[in-house]
Amino acid sequence: MEKIIVQYLPEVESYLNELVYLLFQKEYFGYWETALDYVDDLINFIDYNISIFPPKNTPVNLIELGSKYIF
């Protein structure tokens, strides 16, 4: 199986960075490092599992964006 490279839009990277701050600020985590580890685990989950999830066919009206997508 070929290696899949996951690229994140700058908006997604910004959101994930803000998520670390938000989780710490709202006291979901008591330590900054714990919130950072949580978001890192989230990213690792996406990177690892994106190739495992079965793709779905794209609706005809969105086919110009690609023939498959993952939800």
PDB file of N, CA and C in Angstrom:
ATOM      1  N   MET A   1       0.840  -1.176   0.000  1.00  0.00           N
ATOM      2  CA  MET A   1       0.000   0.000   0.000  1.00  0.00           C
ATOM      3  C   MET A   1       0.890   1.246   0.000  1.00  0.00           C
ATOM      4  N   GLU A   2       0.530   2.195  -0.820  1.00  0.00           N
ATOM      5  CA  GLU A   2       1.325   3.406  -0.904  1.00  0.00           C
ATOM      6  C   GLU A   2       1.073   4.309   0.297  1.00  0.00           C
ATOM      7  N   LYS A   3       2.070   5.108   0.613  1.00  0.00           N
ATOM      8  CA  LYS A   3       1.966   6.020   1.748  1.00  0.00           C
ATOM      9  C   LYS A   3       1.098   7.210   1.363  1.00  0.00           C
ATOM     10  N   ILE A   4       0.180   7.541   2.241  1.00  0.00           N
ATOM     11  CA  ILE A   4      -0.705   8.680   2.029  1.00  0.00           C
ATOM     12  C   ILE A   4      -0.163   9.863   2.811  1.00  0.00           C
ATOM     13  N   ILE A   5      -0.030  10.987   2.134  1.00  0.00           N
ATOM     14  CA  ILE A   5       0.435  12.215   2.772  1.00  0.00           C
ATOM     15  C   ILE A   5      -0.781  13.104   3.010  1.00  0.00           C
ATOM     16  N   VAL A   6      -1.002  13.458   4.255  1.00  0.00           N
ATOM     17  CA  VAL A   6      -2.133  14.308   4.617  1.00  0.00           C
ATOM     18  C   VAL A   6      -1.627  15.739   4.714  1.00  0.00           C
ATOM     19  N   GLN A   7      -2.250  16.622   3.942  1.00  0.00           N
ATOM     20  CA  GLN A   7      -1.895  18.035   3.994  1.00  0.00           C
ATOM     21  C   GLN A   7      -3.073  18.811   4.575  1.00  0.00           C
ATOM     22  N   TYR A   8      -2.776  19.693   5.494  1.00  0.00           N
ATOM     23  CA  TYR A   8      -3.805  20.487   6.146  1.00  0.00           C
ATOM     24  C   TYR A   8      -3.782  21.903   5.593  1.00  0.00           C
ATOM     25  N   LEU A   9      -4.964  22.445   5.358  1.00  0.00           N
ATOM     26  CA  LEU A   9      -5.063  23.844   4.944  1.00  0.00           C
ATOM     27  C   LEU A   9      -4.557  24.729   6.075  1.00  0.00           C
ATOM     28  N   PRO A  10      -4.053  25.912   5.750  1.00  0.00           N
ATOM     29  CA  PRO A  10      -3.599  26.820   6.821  1.00  0.00           C
ATOM     30  C   PRO A  10      -4.705  27.127   7.835  1.00  0.00           C
ATOM     31  N   GLU A  11      -5.954  27.178   7.365  1.00  0.00           N
ATOM     32  CA  GLU A  11      -7.065  27.444   8.271  1.00  0.00           C
ATOM     33  C   GLU A  11      -7.235  26.313   9.293  1.00  0.00           C
ATOM     34  N   VAL A  12      -6.996  25.086   8.853  1.00  0.00           N
ATOM     35  CA  VAL A  12      -7.112  23.939   9.754  1.00  0.00           C
ATOM     36  C   VAL A  12      -5.981  23.963  10.776  1.00  0.00           C
ATOM     37  N   GLU A  13      -4.775  24.257  10.325  1.00  0.00           N
ATOM     38  CA  GLU A  13      -3.642  24.343  11.245  1.00  0.00           C
ATOM     39  C   GLU A  13      -3.872  25.438  12.284  1.00  0.00           C
ATOM     40  N   SER A  14      -4.411  26.561  11.831  1.00  0.00           N
ATOM     41  CA  SER A  14      -4.710  27.661  12.742  1.00  0.00           C
ATOM     42  C   SER A  14      -5.769  27.232  13.763  1.00  0.00           C
ATOM     43  N   TYR A  15      -6.808  26.536  13.280  1.00  0.00           N
ATOM     44  CA  TYR A  15      -7.870  26.063  14.171  1.00  0.00           C
ATOM     45  C   TYR A  15      -7.313  25.103  15.224  1.00  0.00           C
ATOM     46  N   LEU A  16      -6.452  24.186  14.805  1.00  0.00           N
ATOM     47  CA  LEU A  16      -5.894  23.219  15.749  1.00  0.00           C
ATOM     48  C   LEU A  16      -5.016  23.909  16.788  1.00  0.00           C
ATOM     49  N   ASN A  17      -4.278  24.928  16.376  1.00  0.00           N
ATOM     50  CA  ASN A  17      -3.462  25.686  17.328  1.00  0.00           C
ATOM     51  C   ASN A  17      -4.353  26.435  18.321  1.00  0.00           C
ATOM     52  N   GLU A  18      -5.447  27.009  17.816  1.00  0.00           N
ATOM     53  CA  GLU A  18      -6.382  27.702  18.695  1.00  0.00           C
ATOM     54  C   GLU A  18      -7.101  26.721  19.628  1.00  0.00           C
ATOM     55  N   LEU A  19      -7.302  25.495  19.154  1.00  0.00           N
ATOM     56  CA  LEU A  19      -7.962  24.480  19.962  1.00  0.00           C
ATOM     57  C   LEU A  19      -7.148  24.160  21.213  1.00  0.00           C
ATOM     58  N   VAL A  20      -5.838  24.100  21.079  1.00  0.00           N
ATOM     59  CA  VAL A  20      -4.980  23.854  22.237  1.00  0.00           C
ATOM     60  C   VAL A  20      -5.222  24.944  23.288  1.00  0.00           C
ATOM     61  N   TYR A  21      -5.208  26.190  22.835  1.00  0.00           N
ATOM     62  CA  TYR A  21      -5.427  27.317  23.755  1.00  0.00           C
ATOM     63  C   TYR A  21      -6.817  27.254  24.384  1.00  0.00           C
ATOM     64  N   LEU A  22      -7.822  26.970  23.568  1.00  0.00           N
ATOM     65  CA  LEU A  22      -9.200  26.926  24.052  1.00  0.00           C
ATOM     66  C   LEU A  22      -9.408  25.814  25.086  1.00  0.00           C
ATOM     67  N   LEU A  23      -8.849  24.643  24.812  1.00  0.00           N
ATOM     68  CA  LEU A  23      -8.984  23.533  25.759  1.00  0.00           C
ATOM     69  C   LEU A  23      -8.336  23.857  27.101  1.00  0.00           C
ATOM     70  N   PHE A  24      -7.206  24.542  27.043  1.00  0.00           N
ATOM     71  CA  PHE A  24      -6.519  24.923  28.282  1.00  0.00           C
ATOM     72  C   PHE A  24      -7.277  26.048  28.992  1.00  0.00           C
ATOM     73  N   GLN A  25      -7.735  27.041  28.223  1.00  0.00           N
ATOM     74  CA  GLN A  25      -8.428  28.187  28.798  1.00  0.00           C
ATOM     75  C   GLN A  25      -9.742  27.780  29.477  1.00  0.00           C
ATOM     76  N   LYS A  26     -10.477  26.854  28.852  1.00  0.00           N
ATOM     77  CA  LYS A  26     -11.765  26.423  29.408  1.00  0.00           C
ATOM     78  C   LYS A  26     -11.589  25.327  30.464  1.00  0.00           C
ATOM     79  N   GLU A  27     -10.333  25.052  30.804  1.00  0.00           N
ATOM     80  CA  GLU A  27      -9.959  24.119  31.858  1.00  0.00           C
ATOM     81  C   GLU A  27     -10.396  22.679  31.594  1.00  0.00           C
ATOM     82  N   TYR A  28     -10.409  22.303  30.301  1.00  0.00           N
ATOM     83  CA  TYR A  28     -10.593  20.886  29.986  1.00  0.00           C
ATOM     84  C   TYR A  28      -9.335  20.114  30.383  1.00  0.00           C
ATOM     85  N   PHE A  29      -8.209  20.806  30.317  1.00  0.00           N
ATOM     86  CA  PHE A  29      -6.930  20.244  30.733  1.00  0.00           C
ATOM     87  C   PHE A  29      -6.258  21.226  31.678  1.00  0.00           C
ATOM     88  N   GLY A  30      -5.630  20.692  32.707  1.00  0.00           N
ATOM     89  CA  GLY A  30      -4.985  21.541  33.701  1.00  0.00           C
ATOM     90  C   GLY A  30      -3.606  22.030  33.300  1.00  0.00           C
ATOM     91  N   TYR A  31      -2.996  21.357  32.347  1.00  0.00           N
ATOM     92  CA  TYR A  31      -1.657  21.732  31.907  1.00  0.00           C
ATOM     93  C   TYR A  31      -1.665  21.977  30.409  1.00  0.00           C
ATOM     94  N   TRP A  32      -0.900  22.973  30.002  1.00  0.00           N
ATOM     95  CA  TRP A  32      -0.779  23.325  28.584  1.00  0.00           C
ATOM     96  C   TRP A  32      -0.273  22.123  27.780  1.00  0.00           C
ATOM     97  N   GLU A  33       0.710  21.421  28.321  1.00  0.00           N
ATOM     98  CA  GLU A  33       1.310  20.284  27.620  1.00  0.00           C
ATOM     99  C   GLU A  33       0.285  19.178  27.374  1.00  0.00           C
ATOM    100  N   THR A  34      -0.638  18.997  28.313  1.00  0.00           N
ATOM    101  CA  THR A  34      -1.664  17.969  28.161  1.00  0.00           C
ATOM    102  C   THR A  34      -2.613  18.317  27.032  1.00  0.00           C
ATOM    103  N   ALA A  35      -3.002  19.580  26.935  1.00  0.00           N
ATOM    104  CA  ALA A  35      -3.859  20.025  25.831  1.00  0.00           C
ATOM    105  C   ALA A  35      -3.138  19.866  24.505  1.00  0.00           C
ATOM    106  N   LEU A  36      -1.856  20.179  24.485  1.00  0.00           N
ATOM    107  CA  LEU A  36      -1.053  20.035  23.271  1.00  0.00           C
ATOM    108  C   LEU A  36      -0.935  18.565  22.873  1.00  0.00           C
ATOM    109  N   ASP A  37      -0.718  17.694  23.849  1.00  0.00           N
ATOM    110  CA  ASP A  37      -0.651  16.255  23.569  1.00  0.00           C
ATOM    111  C   ASP A  37      -1.971  15.735  23.014  1.00  0.00           C
ATOM    112  N   TYR A  38      -3.093  16.249  23.547  1.00  0.00           N
ATOM    113  CA  TYR A  38      -4.411  15.826  23.075  1.00  0.00           C
ATOM    114  C   TYR A  38      -4.603  16.167  21.599  1.00  0.00           C
ATOM    115  N   VAL A  39      -4.263  17.383  21.222  1.00  0.00           N
ATOM    116  CA  VAL A  39      -4.406  17.805  19.825  1.00  0.00           C
ATOM    117  C   VAL A  39      -3.424  17.030  18.942  1.00  0.00           C
ATOM    118  N   ASP A  40      -2.231  16.784  19.432  1.00  0.00           N
ATOM    119  CA  ASP A  40      -1.272  15.960  18.672  1.00  0.00           C
ATOM    120  C   ASP A  40      -1.823  14.556  18.451  1.00  0.00           C
ATOM    121  N   ASP A  41      -2.458  13.981  19.459  1.00  0.00           N
ATOM    122  CA  ASP A  41      -3.073  12.662  19.316  1.00  0.00           C
ATOM    123  C   ASP A  41      -4.198  12.692  18.283  1.00  0.00           C
ATOM    124  N   LEU A  42      -4.946  13.780  18.273  1.00  0.00           N
ATOM    125  CA  LEU A  42      -6.012  13.946  17.288  1.00  0.00           C
ATOM    126  C   LEU A  42      -5.445  13.950  15.864  1.00  0.00           C
ATOM    127  N   ILE A  43      -4.366  14.696  15.664  1.00  0.00           N
ATOM    128  CA  ILE A  43      -3.720  14.770  14.349  1.00  0.00           C
ATOM    129  C   ILE A  43      -3.157  13.405  13.963  1.00  0.00           C
ATOM    130  N   ASN A  44      -2.535  12.722  14.908  1.00  0.00           N
ATOM    131  CA  ASN A  44      -1.997  11.391  14.627  1.00  0.00           C
ATOM    132  C   ASN A  44      -3.108  10.410  14.262  1.00  0.00           C
ATOM    133  N   PHE A  45      -4.258  10.512  14.927  1.00  0.00           N
ATOM    134  CA  PHE A  45      -5.391   9.664  14.606  1.00  0.00           C
ATOM    135  C   PHE A  45      -5.846   9.892  13.163  1.00  0.00           C
ATOM    136  N   ILE A  46      -5.952  11.144  12.782  1.00  0.00           N
ATOM    137  CA  ILE A  46      -6.366  11.474  11.411  1.00  0.00           C
ATOM    138  C   ILE A  46      -5.353  10.943  10.417  1.00  0.00           C
ATOM    139  N   ASP A  47      -4.070  11.212  10.655  1.00  0.00           N
ATOM    140  CA  ASP A  47      -3.018  10.777   9.722  1.00  0.00           C
ATOM    141  C   ASP A  47      -3.006   9.259   9.551  1.00  0.00           C
ATOM    142  N   TYR A  48      -3.192   8.522  10.643  1.00  0.00           N
ATOM    143  CA  TYR A  48      -3.126   7.073  10.584  1.00  0.00           C
ATOM    144  C   TYR A  48      -4.387   6.450   9.985  1.00  0.00           C
ATOM    145  N   ASN A  49      -5.537   6.958  10.373  1.00  0.00           N
ATOM    146  CA  ASN A  49      -6.801   6.319  10.009  1.00  0.00           C
ATOM    147  C   ASN A  49      -7.415   6.785   8.694  1.00  0.00           C
ATOM    148  N   ILE A  50      -6.896   7.833   8.104  1.00  0.00           N
ATOM    149  CA  ILE A  50      -7.524   8.341   6.887  1.00  0.00           C
ATOM    150  C   ILE A  50      -7.438   7.320   5.753  1.00  0.00           C
ATOM    151  N   SER A  51      -6.413   6.505   5.755  1.00  0.00           N
ATOM    152  CA  SER A  51      -6.281   5.493   4.706  1.00  0.00           C
ATOM    153  C   SER A  51      -7.134   4.252   4.986  1.00  0.00           C
ATOM    154  N   ILE A  52      -7.610   4.097   6.212  1.00  0.00           N
ATOM    155  CA  ILE A  52      -8.399   2.923   6.599  1.00  0.00           C
ATOM    156  C   ILE A  52      -9.886   3.128   6.323  1.00  0.00           C
ATOM    157  N   PHE A  53     -10.375   4.354   6.512  1.00  0.00           N
ATOM    158  CA  PHE A  53     -11.789   4.639   6.304  1.00  0.00           C
ATOM    159  C   PHE A  53     -12.154   4.388   4.847  1.00  0.00           C
ATOM    160  N   PRO A  54     -13.276   3.712   4.602  1.00  0.00           N
ATOM    161  CA  PRO A  54     -13.670   3.461   3.210  1.00  0.00           C
ATOM    162  C   PRO A  54     -14.157   4.749   2.545  1.00  0.00           C
ATOM    163  N   PRO A  55     -13.630   5.060   1.351  1.00  0.00           N
ATOM    164  CA  PRO A  55     -14.064   6.283   0.665  1.00  0.00           C
ATOM    165  C   PRO A  55     -15.462   6.121   0.077  1.00  0.00           C
ATOM    166  N   LYS A  56     -16.125   7.235  -0.110  1.00  0.00           N
ATOM    167  CA  LYS A  56     -17.447   7.250  -0.731  1.00  0.00           C
ATOM    168  C   LYS A  56     -17.339   7.953  -2.071  1.00  0.00           C
ATOM    169  N   ASN A  57     -18.251   7.643  -2.967  1.00  0.00           N
ATOM    170  CA  ASN A  57     -18.263   8.318  -4.260  1.00  0.00           C
ATOM    171  C   ASN A  57     -18.801   9.731  -4.097  1.00  0.00           C
ATOM    172  N   THR A  58     -18.180  10.651  -4.787  1.00  0.00           N
ATOM    173  CA  THR A  58     -18.587  12.047  -4.747  1.00  0.00           C
ATOM    174  C   THR A  58     -19.890  12.230  -5.526  1.00  0.00           C
ATOM    175  N   PRO A  59     -20.821  13.047  -5.019  1.00  0.00           N
ATOM    176  CA  PRO A  59     -22.033  13.332  -5.786  1.00  0.00           C
ATOM    177  C   PRO A  59     -21.685  13.980  -7.130  1.00  0.00           C
ATOM    178  N   VAL A  60     -22.520  13.756  -8.103  1.00  0.00           N
ATOM    179  CA  VAL A  60     -22.260  14.217  -9.473  1.00  0.00           C
ATOM    180  C   VAL A  60     -22.031  15.726  -9.528  1.00  0.00           C
ATOM    181  N   ASN A  61     -22.771  16.498  -8.746  1.00  0.00           N
ATOM    182  CA  ASN A  61     -22.616  17.951  -8.813  1.00  0.00           C
ATOM    183  C   ASN A  61     -21.305  18.455  -8.207  1.00  0.00           C
ATOM    184  N   LEU A  62     -20.549  17.600  -7.539  1.00  0.00           N
ATOM    185  CA  LEU A  62     -19.257  17.985  -6.953  1.00  0.00           C
ATOM    186  C   LEU A  62     -18.094  17.192  -7.536  1.00  0.00           C
ATOM    187  N   ILE A  63     -18.313  16.485  -8.625  1.00  0.00           N
ATOM    188  CA  ILE A  63     -17.301  15.584  -9.181  1.00  0.00           C
ATOM    189  C   ILE A  63     -16.017  16.307  -9.594  1.00  0.00           C
ATOM    190  N   GLU A  64     -16.101  17.615  -9.883  1.00  0.00           N
ATOM    191  CA  GLU A  64     -14.894  18.356 -10.269  1.00  0.00           C
ATOM    192  C   GLU A  64     -13.907  18.478  -9.112  1.00  0.00           C
ATOM    193  N   LEU A  65     -14.350  18.211  -7.886  1.00  0.00           N
ATOM    194  CA  LEU A  65     -13.473  18.247  -6.719  1.00  0.00           C
ATOM    195  C   LEU A  65     -12.756  16.921  -6.465  1.00  0.00           C
ATOM    196  N   GLY A  66     -13.185  15.866  -7.161  1.00  0.00           N
ATOM    197  CA  GLY A  66     -12.570  14.552  -7.005  1.00  0.00           C
ATOM    198  C   GLY A  66     -13.635  13.483  -7.029  1.00  0.00           C
ATOM    199  N   SER A  67     -13.240  12.254  -7.316  1.00  0.00           N
ATOM    200  CA  SER A  67     -14.210  11.187  -7.474  1.00  0.00           C
ATOM    201  C   SER A  67     -14.542  10.481  -6.155  1.00  0.00           C
ATOM    202  N   LYS A  68     -13.717  10.654  -5.142  1.00  0.00           N
ATOM    203  CA  LYS A  68     -13.928   9.995  -3.846  1.00  0.00           C
ATOM    204  C   LYS A  68     -13.772  11.006  -2.725  1.00  0.00           C
ATOM    205  N   TYR A  69     -14.409  10.745  -1.583  1.00  0.00           N
ATOM    206  CA  TYR A  69     -14.223  11.566  -0.402  1.00  0.00           C
ATOM    207  C   TYR A  69     -14.360  10.699   0.835  1.00  0.00           C
ATOM    208  N   ILE A  70     -13.880  11.198   1.944  1.00  0.00           N
ATOM    209  CA  ILE A  70     -13.977  10.501   3.217  1.00  0.00           C
ATOM    210  C   ILE A  70     -14.729  11.410   4.170  1.00  0.00           C
ATOM    211  N   PHE A  71     -15.725  10.858   4.866  1.00  0.00           N
ATOM    212  CA  PHE A  71     -16.521  11.641   5.808  1.00  0.00           C
ATOM    213  C   PHE A  71     -16.121  11.276   7.209  1.00  0.00           C
TER     214      PHE A  71
END
